[in-house]
Amino acid sequence: MWKCKGIVRGSVVELPGDVPLRDGMEVEVRVSREQMARLAFEQILKNPIRTFVGIDEVIEEDKRDRETRWDKGNDQ
């Protein structure tokens, strides 16, 4: 497997002209960790937590999440 870098423009991935891809080839596109971190940070800034969240709320949310996964048989 080899890698090359491209850029997205208008939901289309543009690759360098010398990339030897043929019609019908299966490809995999991954977003870099740096880009994912930047996107996550942007989402956090757009949707800040405006109320106090204490440890009790965090524990209760985790408990509900675990119970949901357990009910579905996906406890991990």
Protein backbone atom coordinates (compact mmCIF):
# COMPACT_ATOMS: atom_id res chain seq x y z
CA MET A 1 0.00 0.00 0.00
CA TRP A 2 1.32 3.43 -0.85
CA LYS A 3 0.17 6.87 0.30
CA CYS A 4 -0.17 10.21 -1.39
CA LYS A 5 -1.58 13.52 -0.22
CA GLY A 6 -4.40 15.38 -1.86
CA ILE A 7 -6.74 18.24 -1.06
CA VAL A 8 -10.54 18.46 -1.01
CA ARG A 9 -12.16 21.08 -3.23
CA GLY A 10 -15.93 21.06 -3.57
CA SER A 11 -16.22 17.55 -2.03
CA VAL A 12 -13.77 16.17 -4.62
CA VAL A 13 -10.32 14.91 -3.62
CA GLU A 14 -7.68 16.37 -5.93
CA LEU A 15 -4.49 14.34 -6.20
CA PRO A 16 -1.20 15.20 -7.87
CA GLY A 17 -1.19 14.52 -11.63
CA ASP A 18 1.42 11.78 -11.41
CA VAL A 19 -0.68 9.47 -9.19
CA PRO A 20 -1.25 6.25 -11.20
CA LEU A 21 -4.91 5.55 -10.37
CA ARG A 22 -7.10 3.73 -12.86
CA ASP A 23 -10.87 3.59 -13.12
CA GLY A 24 -12.31 0.97 -10.81
CA MET A 25 -9.46 1.03 -8.28
CA GLU A 26 -10.61 1.00 -4.67
CA VAL A 27 -9.11 3.78 -2.57
CA GLU A 28 -9.26 4.82 1.05
CA VAL A 29 -9.36 8.44 2.19
CA ARG A 30 -8.30 9.40 5.69
CA VAL A 31 -8.32 12.79 7.36
CA SER A 32 -5.10 13.61 9.19
CA ARG A 33 -5.12 13.67 12.98
CA GLU A 34 -4.22 17.35 12.92
CA GLN A 35 -7.22 18.15 10.74
CA MET A 36 -9.54 16.06 12.93
CA ALA A 37 -8.27 17.84 16.04
CA ARG A 38 -8.81 21.21 14.37
CA LEU A 39 -12.37 20.24 13.35
CA ALA A 40 -13.16 19.01 16.86
CA PHE A 41 -11.82 22.22 18.38
CA GLU A 42 -13.92 24.31 15.98
CA GLN A 43 -17.04 22.34 17.00
CA ILE A 44 -16.27 22.91 20.68
CA LEU A 45 -15.90 26.64 20.09
CA LYS A 46 -19.21 26.74 18.18
CA ASN A 47 -21.05 24.80 20.92
CA PRO A 48 -19.60 25.79 24.28
CA ILE A 49 -21.00 24.33 27.51
CA ARG A 50 -22.97 27.18 29.06
CA THR A 51 -23.97 25.50 32.30
CA PHE A 52 -22.03 24.00 35.16
CA VAL A 53 -21.24 20.32 34.70
CA GLY A 54 -20.07 18.59 37.83
CA ILE A 55 -18.59 15.14 38.34
CA ASP A 56 -22.01 13.80 39.35
CA GLU A 57 -23.41 14.65 35.91
CA VAL A 58 -20.40 13.09 34.18
CA ILE A 59 -20.73 9.88 36.19
CA GLU A 60 -24.48 9.68 35.51
CA GLU A 61 -23.98 10.18 31.77
CA ASP A 62 -21.28 7.49 31.72
CA LYS A 63 -23.58 5.14 33.62
CA ARG A 64 -26.41 5.69 31.10
CA ASP A 65 -23.99 5.13 28.22
CA ARG A 66 -22.74 1.86 29.71
CA GLU A 67 -26.30 0.65 30.37
CA THR A 68 -27.28 1.44 26.78
CA ARG A 69 -24.31 -0.52 25.43
CA TRP A 70 -25.03 -3.40 27.82
CA ASP A 71 -28.67 -3.54 26.70
CA LYS A 72 -27.55 -3.73 23.06
CA GLY A 73 -25.00 -6.44 23.86
CA ASN A 74 -22.08 -4.19 22.96
CA ASP A 75 -20.43 -3.71 26.32
CA GLN A 76 -16.85 -2.76 25.55
